[in-house]
Amino acid sequence: MQPKEELQTLILLLKAGWKLHVYYEDNGLELYNLKEDVGEKRNLAMKNPEKAKALYSLLQNWLEKTKAPISTELNPAYDAVYEKKQLELYSSE
C-alpha cells in the first residue's frame, strides 16, 4: 500500500503558478494553483477542467517532442481502496 506521491507520476509545473499531476495508474489528474494553494490542498481539476485539459495537452506535446519514456506498466503495489481511505481521512481535516 503506497501513498499517491509514491506512485509513478509525471508532474508539470508552469511559471504561471499552475501545477498538474498526472497519475498513469488510475488516469488521475490533480490541478493546483500554487499562487493560492502552495500546500496543494485543493485539487482544482474538477472545478477547472479547461485549465487541466490545456496543461495536459501541453504535457502530451512535450512528451511527444522529447520522446520522453513513460512507463506503461501499472504499479503492482498500488492499492486503490487504501488510497481512497487516505483521501477521505485527509480531506476531512
N, C-alpha and C. Protein backbone atom coordinates (compact mmCIF):
# COMPACT_ATOMS: atom_id res chain seq x y z
N MET A 1 0.84 -1.18 0.00
CA MET A 1 0.00 0.00 0.00
C MET A 1 0.88 1.24 0.00
N GLN A 2 0.75 2.02 -1.06
CA GLN A 2 1.60 3.19 -1.18
C GLN A 2 0.75 4.45 -1.25
N PRO A 3 1.22 5.53 -0.64
CA PRO A 3 0.52 6.80 -0.83
C PRO A 3 0.71 7.29 -2.26
N LYS A 4 -0.17 8.16 -2.70
CA LYS A 4 -0.18 8.61 -4.08
C LYS A 4 1.16 9.18 -4.52
N GLU A 5 1.85 9.90 -3.63
CA GLU A 5 3.10 10.52 -4.04
C GLU A 5 4.19 9.50 -4.36
N GLU A 6 4.00 8.23 -4.01
CA GLU A 6 4.97 7.21 -4.34
C GLU A 6 4.61 6.46 -5.61
N LEU A 7 3.50 6.79 -6.22
CA LEU A 7 3.13 6.16 -7.48
C LEU A 7 3.96 6.77 -8.60
N GLN A 8 3.97 6.10 -9.73
CA GLN A 8 4.66 6.66 -10.88
C GLN A 8 3.89 7.90 -11.30
N THR A 9 4.54 9.01 -11.29
CA THR A 9 3.86 10.27 -11.53
C THR A 9 4.63 11.12 -12.51
N LEU A 10 3.92 11.83 -13.31
CA LEU A 10 4.54 12.83 -14.16
C LEU A 10 3.99 14.17 -13.70
N ILE A 11 4.83 15.11 -13.41
CA ILE A 11 4.39 16.40 -12.88
C ILE A 11 4.85 17.50 -13.83
N LEU A 12 3.95 18.41 -14.12
CA LEU A 12 4.27 19.56 -14.95
C LEU A 12 4.07 20.81 -14.12
N LEU A 13 5.07 21.62 -14.00
CA LEU A 13 4.96 22.87 -13.25
C LEU A 13 5.18 24.02 -14.22
N LEU A 14 4.23 24.90 -14.29
CA LEU A 14 4.33 26.04 -15.20
C LEU A 14 4.65 27.32 -14.43
N LYS A 15 5.28 28.26 -15.06
CA LYS A 15 5.62 29.53 -14.43
C LYS A 15 4.39 30.33 -14.03
N ALA A 16 3.29 30.06 -14.67
CA ALA A 16 2.07 30.79 -14.37
C ALA A 16 1.48 30.41 -13.01
N GLY A 17 2.12 29.48 -12.33
CA GLY A 17 1.66 29.13 -10.99
C GLY A 17 0.76 27.92 -10.91
N TRP A 18 0.49 27.26 -12.03
CA TRP A 18 -0.34 26.07 -12.03
C TRP A 18 0.54 24.83 -12.03
N LYS A 19 0.09 23.80 -11.33
CA LYS A 19 0.81 22.53 -11.28
C LYS A 19 -0.17 21.40 -11.58
N LEU A 20 0.19 20.59 -12.54
CA LEU A 20 -0.66 19.46 -12.94
C LEU A 20 0.06 18.16 -12.60
N HIS A 21 -0.63 17.27 -11.89
CA HIS A 21 -0.13 15.92 -11.63
C HIS A 21 -0.92 14.97 -12.52
N VAL A 22 -0.21 14.07 -13.19
CA VAL A 22 -0.86 13.03 -13.98
C VAL A 22 -0.43 11.69 -13.42
N TYR A 23 -1.40 10.89 -12.99
CA TYR A 23 -1.13 9.56 -12.44
C TYR A 23 -1.55 8.52 -13.47
N TYR A 24 -0.59 7.77 -13.96
CA TYR A 24 -0.87 6.82 -15.03
C TYR A 24 -1.55 5.55 -14.53
N GLU A 25 -1.39 5.22 -13.23
CA GLU A 25 -2.02 4.01 -12.71
C GLU A 25 -3.54 4.09 -12.77
N ASP A 26 -4.09 5.24 -12.44
CA ASP A 26 -5.55 5.36 -12.41
C ASP A 26 -6.07 6.48 -13.30
N ASN A 27 -5.21 7.01 -14.17
CA ASN A 27 -5.57 8.11 -15.07
C ASN A 27 -6.05 9.34 -14.32
N GLY A 28 -5.58 9.48 -13.10
CA GLY A 28 -6.00 10.61 -12.29
C GLY A 28 -5.25 11.89 -12.63
N LEU A 29 -5.94 13.00 -12.51
CA LEU A 29 -5.36 14.33 -12.70
C LEU A 29 -5.57 15.14 -11.44
N GLU A 30 -4.57 15.87 -11.07
CA GLU A 30 -4.70 16.84 -9.98
C GLU A 30 -4.16 18.16 -10.49
N LEU A 31 -4.88 19.21 -10.19
CA LEU A 31 -4.51 20.55 -10.64
C LEU A 31 -4.49 21.48 -9.45
N TYR A 32 -3.39 22.21 -9.31
CA TYR A 32 -3.24 23.13 -8.18
C TYR A 32 -2.81 24.50 -8.66
N ASN A 33 -3.37 25.52 -8.06
CA ASN A 33 -2.95 26.89 -8.28
C ASN A 33 -1.98 27.23 -7.15
N LEU A 34 -0.69 27.15 -7.43
CA LEU A 34 0.31 27.32 -6.38
C LEU A 34 0.39 28.74 -5.84
N LYS A 35 -0.12 29.70 -6.59
CA LYS A 35 -0.14 31.08 -6.09
C LYS A 35 -1.11 31.22 -4.92
N GLU A 36 -2.18 30.41 -4.94
CA GLU A 36 -3.20 30.50 -3.90
C GLU A 36 -3.19 29.30 -2.94
N ASP A 37 -2.49 28.23 -3.33
CA ASP A 37 -2.53 26.99 -2.56
C ASP A 37 -1.16 26.30 -2.63
N VAL A 38 -0.19 26.90 -1.99
CA VAL A 38 1.18 26.37 -2.06
C VAL A 38 1.28 24.98 -1.44
N GLY A 39 0.41 24.64 -0.52
CA GLY A 39 0.43 23.33 0.12
C GLY A 39 -0.27 22.24 -0.67
N GLU A 40 -0.83 22.60 -1.81
CA GLU A 40 -1.54 21.65 -2.69
C GLU A 40 -2.62 20.88 -1.93
N LYS A 41 -3.49 21.61 -1.28
CA LYS A 41 -4.59 21.01 -0.52
C LYS A 41 -5.89 20.95 -1.33
N ARG A 42 -6.02 21.83 -2.32
CA ARG A 42 -7.27 21.92 -3.09
C ARG A 42 -7.04 21.53 -4.55
N ASN A 43 -7.46 20.33 -4.89
CA ASN A 43 -7.35 19.85 -6.26
C ASN A 43 -8.44 20.54 -7.08
N LEU A 44 -8.03 21.31 -8.07
CA LEU A 44 -8.97 22.09 -8.88
C LEU A 44 -9.30 21.46 -10.23
N ALA A 45 -8.90 20.22 -10.44
CA ALA A 45 -9.11 19.59 -11.75
C ALA A 45 -10.59 19.52 -12.13
N MET A 46 -11.46 19.23 -11.18
CA MET A 46 -12.89 19.15 -11.48
C MET A 46 -13.53 20.53 -11.61
N LYS A 47 -13.03 21.49 -10.85
CA LYS A 47 -13.60 22.84 -10.89
C LYS A 47 -13.08 23.65 -12.08
N ASN A 48 -11.93 23.27 -12.60
CA ASN A 48 -11.33 24.00 -13.70
C ASN A 48 -10.84 23.02 -14.77
N PRO A 49 -11.77 22.28 -15.39
CA PRO A 49 -11.37 21.26 -16.37
C PRO A 49 -10.69 21.84 -17.61
N GLU A 50 -11.02 23.09 -17.95
CA GLU A 50 -10.39 23.70 -19.12
C GLU A 50 -8.90 23.89 -18.90
N LYS A 51 -8.52 24.35 -17.70
CA LYS A 51 -7.11 24.54 -17.38
C LYS A 51 -6.40 23.19 -17.33
N ALA A 52 -7.03 22.21 -16.70
CA ALA A 52 -6.43 20.87 -16.62
C ALA A 52 -6.21 20.30 -18.01
N LYS A 53 -7.19 20.46 -18.87
CA LYS A 53 -7.08 19.95 -20.25
C LYS A 53 -5.97 20.67 -21.02
N ALA A 54 -5.88 21.97 -20.85
CA ALA A 54 -4.85 22.75 -21.54
C ALA A 54 -3.45 22.34 -21.09
N LEU A 55 -3.26 22.18 -19.78
CA LEU A 55 -1.96 21.77 -19.27
C LEU A 55 -1.63 20.34 -19.68
N TYR A 56 -2.64 19.49 -19.67
CA TYR A 56 -2.43 18.11 -20.09
C TYR A 56 -2.00 18.07 -21.56
N SER A 57 -2.61 18.88 -22.37
CA SER A 57 -2.25 18.96 -23.79
C SER A 57 -0.81 19.44 -23.96
N LEU A 58 -0.42 20.47 -23.21
CA LEU A 58 0.97 20.94 -23.25
C LEU A 58 1.93 19.82 -22.85
N LEU A 59 1.56 19.09 -21.83
CA LEU A 59 2.39 18.00 -21.35
C LEU A 59 2.54 16.92 -22.40
N GLN A 60 1.42 16.53 -23.02
CA GLN A 60 1.47 15.50 -24.04
C GLN A 60 2.32 15.94 -25.23
N ASN A 61 2.20 17.21 -25.62
CA ASN A 61 3.02 17.72 -26.71
C ASN A 61 4.51 17.66 -26.36
N TRP A 62 4.84 18.02 -25.12
CA TRP A 62 6.24 17.97 -24.70
C TRP A 62 6.76 16.54 -24.69
N LEU A 63 5.93 15.61 -24.20
CA LEU A 63 6.33 14.21 -24.18
C LEU A 63 6.62 13.68 -25.58
N GLU A 64 5.75 14.04 -26.52
CA GLU A 64 5.96 13.62 -27.91
C GLU A 64 7.20 14.26 -28.50
N LYS A 65 7.38 15.54 -28.26
CA LYS A 65 8.52 16.27 -28.82
C LYS A 65 9.85 15.73 -28.29
N THR A 66 9.90 15.42 -27.01
CA THR A 66 11.16 14.97 -26.40
C THR A 66 11.33 13.46 -26.43
N LYS A 67 10.28 12.77 -26.86
CA LYS A 67 10.28 11.30 -26.86
C LYS A 67 10.60 10.75 -25.46
N ALA A 68 10.06 11.43 -24.46
CA ALA A 68 10.28 11.02 -23.07
C ALA A 68 9.62 9.66 -22.83
N PRO A 69 10.35 8.75 -22.19
CA PRO A 69 9.76 7.43 -21.92
C PRO A 69 8.72 7.52 -20.80
N ILE A 70 7.66 6.74 -20.97
CA ILE A 70 6.61 6.67 -19.96
C ILE A 70 6.38 5.20 -19.65
N SER A 71 6.33 4.88 -18.40
CA SER A 71 6.05 3.50 -18.01
C SER A 71 4.64 3.14 -18.46
N THR A 72 4.52 1.99 -19.06
CA THR A 72 3.19 1.52 -19.49
C THR A 72 2.68 0.42 -18.57
N GLU A 73 3.46 0.09 -17.55
CA GLU A 73 3.05 -0.95 -16.62
C GLU A 73 2.45 -0.32 -15.37
N LEU A 74 1.38 -0.91 -14.89
CA LEU A 74 0.77 -0.43 -13.66
C LEU A 74 1.65 -0.79 -12.48
N ASN A 75 1.59 0.02 -11.45
CA ASN A 75 2.32 -0.23 -10.22
C ASN A 75 1.59 -1.36 -9.48
N PRO A 76 2.21 -2.54 -9.33
CA PRO A 76 1.51 -3.66 -8.67
C PRO A 76 1.25 -3.41 -7.19
N ALA A 77 1.94 -2.46 -6.58
CA ALA A 77 1.74 -2.17 -5.16
C ALA A 77 0.64 -1.14 -4.91
N TYR A 78 0.09 -0.56 -5.99
CA TYR A 78 -0.95 0.46 -5.83
C TYR A 78 -2.22 -0.17 -5.27
N ASP A 79 -2.78 0.42 -4.23
CA ASP A 79 -3.98 -0.08 -3.57
C ASP A 79 -5.03 1.03 -3.59
N ALA A 80 -5.99 0.92 -4.50
CA ALA A 80 -6.99 1.97 -4.68
C ALA A 80 -7.87 2.14 -3.45
N VAL A 81 -8.17 1.05 -2.75
CA VAL A 81 -9.01 1.14 -1.55
C VAL A 81 -8.27 1.93 -0.47
N TYR A 82 -7.00 1.61 -0.27
CA TYR A 82 -6.19 2.35 0.71
C TYR A 82 -6.11 3.83 0.32
N GLU A 83 -5.89 4.09 -0.95
CA GLU A 83 -5.79 5.47 -1.43
C GLU A 83 -7.07 6.24 -1.14
N LYS A 84 -8.21 5.62 -1.41
CA LYS A 84 -9.49 6.29 -1.17
C LYS A 84 -9.66 6.61 0.32
N LYS A 85 -9.29 5.66 1.18
CA LYS A 85 -9.40 5.90 2.62
C LYS A 85 -8.50 7.05 3.06
N GLN A 86 -7.30 7.11 2.51
CA GLN A 86 -6.38 8.18 2.86
C GLN A 86 -6.91 9.53 2.40
N LEU A 87 -7.45 9.56 1.21
CA LEU A 87 -8.01 10.82 0.70
C LEU A 87 -9.18 11.28 1.57
N GLU A 88 -10.02 10.35 1.97
CA GLU A 88 -11.16 10.69 2.84
C GLU A 88 -10.66 11.19 4.19
N LEU A 89 -9.65 10.55 4.72
CA LEU A 89 -9.09 10.93 6.01
C LEU A 89 -8.54 12.34 5.98
N TYR A 90 -7.73 12.64 4.97
CA TYR A 90 -7.07 13.94 4.91
C TYR A 90 -7.99 15.05 4.40
N SER A 91 -8.99 14.69 3.61
CA SER A 91 -9.90 15.73 3.12
C SER A 91 -10.88 16.18 4.21
N SER A 92 -11.06 15.38 5.25
CA SER A 92 -11.96 15.74 6.33
C SER A 92 -11.31 16.66 7.36
N GLU A 93 -10.01 16.88 7.24
CA GLU A 93 -9.29 17.72 8.20
C GLU A 93 -9.48 19.19 7.88
